[in-house]
Amino acid sequence: MTHATKIMNKQAIVDKIEVARQELSDAEANVAQVLRELKGGVRADKSMIGQALEAAFAKVKLANKDLVDLQKLIESALD
C-alpha cells in the first residue's frame, strides 16, 4: 500500500467517523424531543410522535450502516 493510499484511507476513516457521529447526534436529539413531548403530559398528536420516531430510527439505521462501512475501511487499512 502506497503512502498516498494510506493517507486517503485515513481521511476516509476520519470522514466516516464524523458522518456517523453527526447522524447519531441527530438521532439522539430527535429521540430526546419525542421523550420530552411524552413526559410533558401533553396529549401529543400520535402521527407527529410517529414521524419523529421514524426519523430518529432512520438516522440510527444510517449511522449503523456508516459504522459498518467504517469497520470495513479500518480492516482494509490495517491489511
C-alpha atoms as a PDB file:
ATOM      1  CA  MET A   1       0.000   0.000   0.000  1.00  0.00           C
ATOM      2  CA  THR A   2       1.455   3.343  -1.003  1.00  0.00           C
ATOM      3  CA  HIS A   3       1.781   6.300   1.328  1.00  0.00           C
ATOM      4  CA  ALA A   4      -0.829   8.236  -0.675  1.00  0.00           C
ATOM      5  CA  THR A   5      -3.279   5.330  -0.388  1.00  0.00           C
ATOM      6  CA  LYS A   6      -2.741   5.173   3.374  1.00  0.00           C
ATOM      7  CA  ILE A   7      -3.422   8.900   3.669  1.00  0.00           C
ATOM      8  CA  MET A   8      -6.591   8.569   1.561  1.00  0.00           C
ATOM      9  CA  ASN A   9      -7.759   5.602   3.670  1.00  0.00           C
ATOM     10  CA  LYS A  10      -7.061   7.540   6.855  1.00  0.00           C
ATOM     11  CA  GLN A  11      -9.069  10.523   5.601  1.00  0.00           C
ATOM     12  CA  ALA A  12     -11.913   8.239   4.503  1.00  0.00           C
ATOM     13  CA  ILE A  13     -11.993   6.726   8.004  1.00  0.00           C
ATOM     14  CA  VAL A  14     -11.996  10.144   9.658  1.00  0.00           C
ATOM     15  CA  ASP A  15     -14.769  11.332   7.328  1.00  0.00           C
ATOM     16  CA  LYS A  16     -16.912   8.246   8.016  1.00  0.00           C
ATOM     17  CA  ILE A  17     -16.485   8.662  11.759  1.00  0.00           C
ATOM     18  CA  GLU A  18     -17.602  12.287  11.584  1.00  0.00           C
ATOM     19  CA  VAL A  19     -20.668  11.434   9.485  1.00  0.00           C
ATOM     20  CA  ALA A  20     -21.655   8.591  11.827  1.00  0.00           C
ATOM     21  CA  ARG A  21     -21.177  10.762  14.905  1.00  0.00           C
ATOM     22  CA  GLN A  22     -23.347  13.519  13.429  1.00  0.00           C
ATOM     23  CA  GLU A  23     -26.090  11.069  12.455  1.00  0.00           C
ATOM     24  CA  LEU A  24     -26.114   9.553  15.931  1.00  0.00           C
ATOM     25  CA  SER A  25     -26.195  13.008  17.484  1.00  0.00           C
ATOM     26  CA  ASP A  26     -29.154  13.963  15.273  1.00  0.00           C
ATOM     27  CA  ALA A  27     -30.968  10.747  16.187  1.00  0.00           C
ATOM     28  CA  GLU A  28     -30.338  11.362  19.874  1.00  0.00           C
ATOM     29  CA  ALA A  29     -31.798  14.861  19.585  1.00  0.00           C
ATOM     30  CA  ASN A  30     -34.871  13.538  17.768  1.00  0.00           C
ATOM     31  CA  VAL A  31     -35.494  10.860  20.368  1.00  0.00           C
ATOM     32  CA  ALA A  32     -34.933  13.335  23.211  1.00  0.00           C
ATOM     33  CA  GLN A  33     -37.536  15.657  21.673  1.00  0.00           C
ATOM     34  CA  VAL A  34     -40.084  12.866  21.476  1.00  0.00           C
ATOM     35  CA  LEU A  35     -39.373  11.813  25.049  1.00  0.00           C
ATOM     36  CA  ARG A  36     -39.827  15.407  26.266  1.00  0.00           C
ATOM     37  CA  GLU A  37     -43.175  15.539  24.496  1.00  0.00           C
ATOM     38  CA  LEU A  38     -44.267  12.269  26.045  1.00  0.00           C
ATOM     39  CA  LYS A  39     -43.084  13.218  29.544  1.00  0.00           C
ATOM     40  CA  GLY A  40     -44.714  16.623  29.321  1.00  0.00           C
ATOM     41  CA  GLY A  41     -48.074  15.021  29.774  1.00  0.00           C
ATOM     42  CA  VAL A  42     -49.467  16.994  26.864  1.00  0.00           C
ATOM     43  CA  ARG A  43     -51.582  14.913  24.560  1.00  0.00           C
ATOM     44  CA  ALA A  44     -49.343  14.938  21.559  1.00  0.00           C
ATOM     45  CA  ASP A  45     -50.583  14.029  18.135  1.00  0.00           C
ATOM     46  CA  LYS A  46     -49.722  10.372  17.572  1.00  0.00           C
ATOM     47  CA  SER A  47     -48.766  10.932  13.937  1.00  0.00           C
ATOM     48  CA  MET A  48     -46.303  13.667  14.968  1.00  0.00           C
ATOM     49  CA  ILE A  49     -44.683  11.343  17.512  1.00  0.00           C
ATOM     50  CA  GLY A  50     -44.634   8.530  14.979  1.00  0.00           C
ATOM     51  CA  GLN A  51     -42.957  10.742  12.385  1.00  0.00           C
ATOM     52  CA  ALA A  52     -40.306  11.897  14.857  1.00  0.00           C
ATOM     53  CA  LEU A  53     -39.594   8.328  15.948  1.00  0.00           C
ATOM     54  CA  GLU A  54     -39.414   7.179  12.324  1.00  0.00           C
ATOM     55  CA  ALA A  55     -36.931   9.960  11.546  1.00  0.00           C
ATOM     56  CA  ALA A  56     -34.831   9.042  14.576  1.00  0.00           C
ATOM     57  CA  PHE A  57     -34.905   5.371  13.624  1.00  0.00           C
ATOM     58  CA  ALA A  58     -33.855   6.151  10.043  1.00  0.00           C
ATOM     59  CA  LYS A  59     -30.895   8.180  11.313  1.00  0.00           C
ATOM     60  CA  VAL A  60     -29.845   5.383  13.652  1.00  0.00           C
ATOM     61  CA  LYS A  61     -30.051   2.869  10.797  1.00  0.00           C
ATOM     62  CA  LEU A  62     -27.951   5.132   8.587  1.00  0.00           C
ATOM     63  CA  ALA A  63     -25.399   5.659  11.342  1.00  0.00           C
ATOM     64  CA  ASN A  64     -25.189   1.918  11.869  1.00  0.00           C
ATOM     65  CA  LYS A  65     -24.550   1.386   8.151  1.00  0.00           C
ATOM     66  CA  ASP A  66     -21.835   4.048   8.214  1.00  0.00           C
ATOM     67  CA  LEU A  67     -20.193   2.365  11.183  1.00  0.00           C
ATOM     68  CA  VAL A  68     -20.223  -0.974   9.342  1.00  0.00           C
ATOM     69  CA  ASP A  69     -18.598   0.757   6.366  1.00  0.00           C
ATOM     70  CA  LEU A  70     -16.090   2.314   8.740  1.00  0.00           C
ATOM     71  CA  GLN A  71     -15.217  -1.080  10.150  1.00  0.00           C
ATOM     72  CA  LYS A  72     -14.524  -2.353   6.642  1.00  0.00           C
ATOM     73  CA  LEU A  73     -12.327   0.671   5.902  1.00  0.00           C
ATOM     74  CA  ILE A  74     -10.349   0.146   9.083  1.00  0.00           C
ATOM     75  CA  GLU A  75      -9.893  -3.534   8.320  1.00  0.00           C
ATOM     76  CA  SER A  76      -8.638  -2.769   4.812  1.00  0.00           C
ATOM     77  CA  ALA A  77      -6.333  -0.022   6.135  1.00  0.00           C
ATOM     78  CA  LEU A  78      -4.789  -2.474   8.583  1.00  0.00           C
ATOM     79  CA  ASP A  79      -4.021  -5.062   5.894  1.00  0.00           C
END
